[in-house]
Amino acid sequence: MTDEDVKYMRIALDEAHKAFERDEVPIGAVVVSRGRIIARGHNLTETLTDVTAHAEMQAITAAAGTLGGKYLTDCTLYVTVEPCLMCAGALAWSQISRVVFGADDDKRGYHTQCENPFHKKTEVEGGVLADECAQLMKDYFKTKR
């Protein structure tokens, strides 16, 4: 974990807080290319009535639009919670270079279904600000029970 990883995960946490404020599951994501944020996203599944409107999917779509192409090589996705298998598959198709996530997701994270669904060249690192990311999820689900 680098200082840069912490910096961008904090920005992803800001996105997660936006989701929380909208009564969405508080997951946030940012895509960074060459030291510059090119996309942001947070969960919008309730707002858009769309089960695919995860933070990662929002960020992937925005990044592709910014870059003008579907491949996110030389990019890093920072996301507050381990991607689900759907998002991991989309990240594989995007050929993203690196995925950095905060908290593990032992119910719906990709690791519950598959060991490594990412592109063979994608580097994956978990645990960046894991406690803060997990606490936000716990706080949200406390409001639902």
C-alpha atoms as a PDB file:
ATOM      1  CA  MET A   1       0.000   0.000   0.000  1.00  0.00           C
ATOM      2  CA  THR A   2       1.410   3.361  -1.054  1.00  0.00           C
ATOM      3  CA  ASP A   3       0.559   6.908  -0.011  1.00  0.00           C
ATOM      4  CA  GLU A   4      -0.999   7.302  -3.457  1.00  0.00           C
ATOM      5  CA  ASP A   5      -3.242   4.278  -2.843  1.00  0.00           C
ATOM      6  CA  VAL A   6      -4.449   5.821   0.428  1.00  0.00           C
ATOM      7  CA  LYS A   7      -5.048   9.186  -1.262  1.00  0.00           C
ATOM      8  CA  TYR A   8      -7.234   7.736  -4.004  1.00  0.00           C
ATOM      9  CA  MET A   9      -9.055   5.344  -1.671  1.00  0.00           C
ATOM     10  CA  ARG A  10     -10.046   8.352   0.436  1.00  0.00           C
ATOM     11  CA  ILE A  11     -11.557   9.891  -2.700  1.00  0.00           C
ATOM     12  CA  ALA A  12     -13.384   6.614  -3.383  1.00  0.00           C
ATOM     13  CA  LEU A  13     -14.674   6.810   0.208  1.00  0.00           C
ATOM     14  CA  ASP A  14     -16.003  10.303  -0.580  1.00  0.00           C
ATOM     15  CA  GLU A  15     -17.961   8.727  -3.426  1.00  0.00           C
ATOM     16  CA  ALA A  16     -19.225   6.009  -1.071  1.00  0.00           C
ATOM     17  CA  HIS A  17     -20.501   8.704   1.289  1.00  0.00           C
ATOM     18  CA  LYS A  18     -22.473  10.188  -1.628  1.00  0.00           C
ATOM     19  CA  ALA A  19     -24.134   6.810  -2.104  1.00  0.00           C
ATOM     20  CA  PHE A  20     -24.892   6.619   1.631  1.00  0.00           C
ATOM     21  CA  GLU A  21     -26.557  10.055   1.484  1.00  0.00           C
ATOM     22  CA  ARG A  22     -28.758   8.795  -1.377  1.00  0.00           C
ATOM     23  CA  ASP A  23     -29.724   5.708   0.644  1.00  0.00           C
ATOM     24  CA  GLU A  24     -27.687   3.512  -1.675  1.00  0.00           C
ATOM     25  CA  VAL A  25     -25.287   0.801  -0.511  1.00  0.00           C
ATOM     26  CA  PRO A  26     -22.210   2.959   0.219  1.00  0.00           C
ATOM     27  CA  ILE A  27     -19.631   1.831  -2.294  1.00  0.00           C
ATOM     28  CA  GLY A  28     -17.523   4.322  -4.205  1.00  0.00           C
ATOM     29  CA  ALA A  29     -14.959   4.068  -6.979  1.00  0.00           C
ATOM     30  CA  VAL A  30     -12.491   6.196  -8.886  1.00  0.00           C
ATOM     31  CA  VAL A  31     -10.384   5.449 -11.951  1.00  0.00           C
ATOM     32  CA  VAL A  32      -6.924   6.980 -12.129  1.00  0.00           C
ATOM     33  CA  SER A  33      -4.805   7.260 -15.261  1.00  0.00           C
ATOM     34  CA  ARG A  34      -1.271   8.609 -15.117  1.00  0.00           C
ATOM     35  CA  GLY A  35      -1.838  10.364 -11.793  1.00  0.00           C
ATOM     36  CA  ARG A  36      -5.154  11.946 -12.794  1.00  0.00           C
ATOM     37  CA  ILE A  37      -8.688  10.974 -11.800  1.00  0.00           C
ATOM     38  CA  ILE A  38     -10.569  10.340 -15.023  1.00  0.00           C
ATOM     39  CA  ALA A  39     -13.779   8.881 -13.577  1.00  0.00           C
ATOM     40  CA  ARG A  40     -15.787   8.597 -10.381  1.00  0.00           C
ATOM     41  CA  GLY A  41     -18.768   6.520  -9.465  1.00  0.00           C
ATOM     42  CA  HIS A  42     -20.915   5.284  -6.618  1.00  0.00           C
ATOM     43  CA  ASN A  43     -23.728   2.811  -6.332  1.00  0.00           C
ATOM     44  CA  LEU A  44     -26.912   3.914  -8.080  1.00  0.00           C
ATOM     45  CA  THR A  45     -28.859   0.652  -8.147  1.00  0.00           C
ATOM     46  CA  GLU A  46     -31.858   2.061  -6.252  1.00  0.00           C
ATOM     47  CA  THR A  47     -31.827   5.442  -7.975  1.00  0.00           C
ATOM     48  CA  LEU A  48     -31.681   3.933 -11.463  1.00  0.00           C
ATOM     49  CA  THR A  49     -33.659   0.779 -10.593  1.00  0.00           C
ATOM     50  CA  ASP A  50     -30.815  -1.153 -12.200  1.00  0.00           C
ATOM     51  CA  VAL A  51     -28.996  -4.057 -10.546  1.00  0.00           C
ATOM     52  CA  THR A  52     -25.959  -3.402 -12.744  1.00  0.00           C
ATOM     53  CA  ALA A  53     -25.511   0.213 -11.589  1.00  0.00           C
ATOM     54  CA  HIS A  54     -22.659  -0.638  -9.210  1.00  0.00           C
ATOM     55  CA  ALA A  55     -19.968   1.933  -8.401  1.00  0.00           C
ATOM     56  CA  GLU A  56     -17.397   0.063 -10.488  1.00  0.00           C
ATOM     57  CA  MET A  57     -19.690  -0.116 -13.520  1.00  0.00           C
ATOM     58  CA  GLN A  58     -20.409   3.620 -13.278  1.00  0.00           C
ATOM     59  CA  ALA A  59     -16.682   4.366 -13.076  1.00  0.00           C
ATOM     60  CA  ILE A  60     -15.757   1.986 -15.925  1.00  0.00           C
ATOM     61  CA  THR A  61     -18.334   3.590 -18.229  1.00  0.00           C
ATOM     62  CA  ALA A  62     -17.225   7.116 -17.337  1.00  0.00           C
ATOM     63  CA  ALA A  63     -13.530   6.251 -17.769  1.00  0.00           C
ATOM     64  CA  ALA A  64     -14.122   4.692 -21.185  1.00  0.00           C
ATOM     65  CA  GLY A  65     -15.984   7.840 -22.210  1.00  0.00           C
ATOM     66  CA  THR A  66     -13.160  10.056 -20.998  1.00  0.00           C
ATOM     67  CA  LEU A  67     -10.528   7.995 -22.807  1.00  0.00           C
ATOM     68  CA  GLY A  68     -12.623   7.510 -25.931  1.00  0.00           C
ATOM     69  CA  GLY A  69     -12.154   3.740 -25.933  1.00  0.00           C
ATOM     70  CA  LYS A  70     -13.215   0.614 -24.107  1.00  0.00           C
ATOM     71  CA  TYR A  71      -9.811  -0.460 -22.780  1.00  0.00           C
ATOM     72  CA  LEU A  72      -8.522   0.896 -19.493  1.00  0.00           C
ATOM     73  CA  THR A  73      -4.917  -0.175 -19.808  1.00  0.00           C
ATOM     74  CA  ASP A  74      -2.603   2.064 -17.765  1.00  0.00           C
ATOM     75  CA  CYS A  75      -5.480   2.751 -15.359  1.00  0.00           C
ATOM     76  CA  THR A  76      -6.144   1.844 -11.732  1.00  0.00           C
ATOM     77  CA  LEU A  77      -9.586   1.399 -10.216  1.00  0.00           C
ATOM     78  CA  TYR A  78      -9.922   2.218  -6.523  1.00  0.00           C
ATOM     79  CA  VAL A  79     -13.094   0.817  -4.968  1.00  0.00           C
ATOM     80  CA  THR A  80     -14.119   0.747  -1.334  1.00  0.00           C
ATOM     81  CA  VAL A  81     -15.375  -2.861  -1.313  1.00  0.00           C
ATOM     82  CA  GLU A  82     -14.153  -5.975  -3.116  1.00  0.00           C
ATOM     83  CA  PRO A  83     -15.834  -6.125  -6.541  1.00  0.00           C
ATOM     84  CA  CYS A  84     -18.574  -8.665  -7.156  1.00  0.00           C
ATOM     85  CA  LEU A  85     -18.136 -11.194  -9.944  1.00  0.00           C
ATOM     86  CA  MET A  86     -20.119  -9.052 -12.410  1.00  0.00           C
ATOM     87  CA  CYS A  87     -17.878  -6.037 -11.831  1.00  0.00           C
ATOM     88  CA  ALA A  88     -14.724  -8.160 -11.857  1.00  0.00           C
ATOM     89  CA  GLY A  89     -15.802  -9.551 -15.229  1.00  0.00           C
ATOM     90  CA  ALA A  90     -16.376  -6.059 -16.617  1.00  0.00           C
ATOM     91  CA  LEU A  91     -12.967  -5.028 -15.304  1.00  0.00           C
ATOM     92  CA  ALA A  92     -11.436  -8.051 -17.034  1.00  0.00           C
ATOM     93  CA  TRP A  93     -13.052  -7.030 -20.321  1.00  0.00           C
ATOM     94  CA  SER A  94     -11.723  -3.484 -19.860  1.00  0.00           C
ATOM     95  CA  GLN A  95      -8.189  -4.863 -19.439  1.00  0.00           C
ATOM     96  CA  ILE A  96      -7.617  -2.487 -16.532  1.00  0.00           C
ATOM     97  CA  SER A  97      -4.053  -2.598 -15.269  1.00  0.00           C
ATOM     98  CA  ARG A  98      -4.729  -2.518 -11.546  1.00  0.00           C
ATOM     99  CA  VAL A  99      -7.598  -2.911  -9.084  1.00  0.00           C
ATOM    100  CA  VAL A 100      -7.244  -1.687  -5.503  1.00  0.00           C
ATOM    101  CA  PHE A 101     -10.064  -2.347  -3.059  1.00  0.00           C
ATOM    102  CA  GLY A 102     -10.737  -1.592   0.576  1.00  0.00           C
ATOM    103  CA  ALA A 103     -12.870  -4.072   2.506  1.00  0.00           C
ATOM    104  CA  ASP A 104     -13.367  -7.726   1.634  1.00  0.00           C
ATOM    105  CA  ASP A 105     -16.919  -8.808   0.796  1.00  0.00           C
ATOM    106  CA  ASP A 106     -17.411 -12.286   2.192  1.00  0.00           C
ATOM    107  CA  LYS A 107     -21.003 -12.506   0.918  1.00  0.00           C
ATOM    108  CA  ARG A 108     -20.823 -11.212  -2.650  1.00  0.00           C
ATOM    109  CA  GLY A 109     -17.183 -10.477  -3.459  1.00  0.00           C
ATOM    110  CA  TYR A 110     -15.668 -12.134  -6.520  1.00  0.00           C
ATOM    111  CA  HIS A 111     -13.536 -14.420  -4.328  1.00  0.00           C
ATOM    112  CA  THR A 112     -16.697 -16.246  -3.183  1.00  0.00           C
ATOM    113  CA  GLN A 113     -17.246 -17.426  -6.763  1.00  0.00           C
ATOM    114  CA  CYS A 114     -13.874 -17.429  -8.466  1.00  0.00           C
ATOM    115  CA  GLU A 115     -10.219 -17.155  -7.524  1.00  0.00           C
ATOM    116  CA  ASN A 116      -9.165 -14.670 -10.207  1.00  0.00           C
ATOM    117  CA  PRO A 117     -11.696 -13.415 -12.764  1.00  0.00           C
ATOM    118  CA  PHE A 118      -9.549 -10.460 -13.845  1.00  0.00           C
ATOM    119  CA  HIS A 119      -7.447 -10.076 -16.982  1.00  0.00           C
ATOM    120  CA  LYS A 120      -4.192 -12.010 -16.683  1.00  0.00           C
ATOM    121  CA  LYS A 121      -2.157  -8.780 -16.580  1.00  0.00           C
ATOM    122  CA  THR A 122      -4.314  -7.037 -13.950  1.00  0.00           C
ATOM    123  CA  GLU A 123      -2.703  -6.523 -10.545  1.00  0.00           C
ATOM    124  CA  VAL A 124      -5.113  -6.748  -7.609  1.00  0.00           C
ATOM    125  CA  GLU A 125      -4.555  -5.451  -4.091  1.00  0.00           C
ATOM    126  CA  GLY A 126      -7.041  -5.468  -1.239  1.00  0.00           C
ATOM    127  CA  GLY A 127      -7.107  -4.080   2.250  1.00  0.00           C
ATOM    128  CA  VAL A 128      -6.414  -0.389   1.584  1.00  0.00           C
ATOM    129  CA  LEU A 129      -8.246   1.535   4.340  1.00  0.00           C
ATOM    130  CA  ALA A 130     -10.191  -1.682   4.910  1.00  0.00           C
ATOM    131  CA  ASP A 131     -11.426  -0.739   8.384  1.00  0.00           C
ATOM    132  CA  GLU A 132     -12.855   2.604   7.254  1.00  0.00           C
ATOM    133  CA  CYS A 133     -14.475   1.047   4.204  1.00  0.00           C
ATOM    134  CA  ALA A 134     -15.997  -1.785   6.245  1.00  0.00           C
ATOM    135  CA  GLN A 135     -17.246   0.596   8.949  1.00  0.00           C
ATOM    136  CA  LEU A 136     -19.164   2.662   6.418  1.00  0.00           C
ATOM    137  CA  MET A 137     -20.920  -0.498   5.209  1.00  0.00           C
ATOM    138  CA  LYS A 138     -21.720  -1.530   8.806  1.00  0.00           C
ATOM    139  CA  ASP A 139     -23.094   1.927   9.575  1.00  0.00           C
ATOM    140  CA  TYR A 140     -25.326   1.803   6.507  1.00  0.00           C
ATOM    141  CA  PHE A 141     -26.739  -1.644   7.237  1.00  0.00           C
ATOM    142  CA  LYS A 142     -27.422  -0.677  10.872  1.00  0.00           C
ATOM    143  CA  THR A 143     -29.903   1.851   9.487  1.00  0.00           C
ATOM    144  CA  LYS A 144     -31.654  -0.960   7.592  1.00  0.00           C
ATOM    145  CA  ARG A 145     -32.181  -3.295  10.539  1.00  0.00           C
END
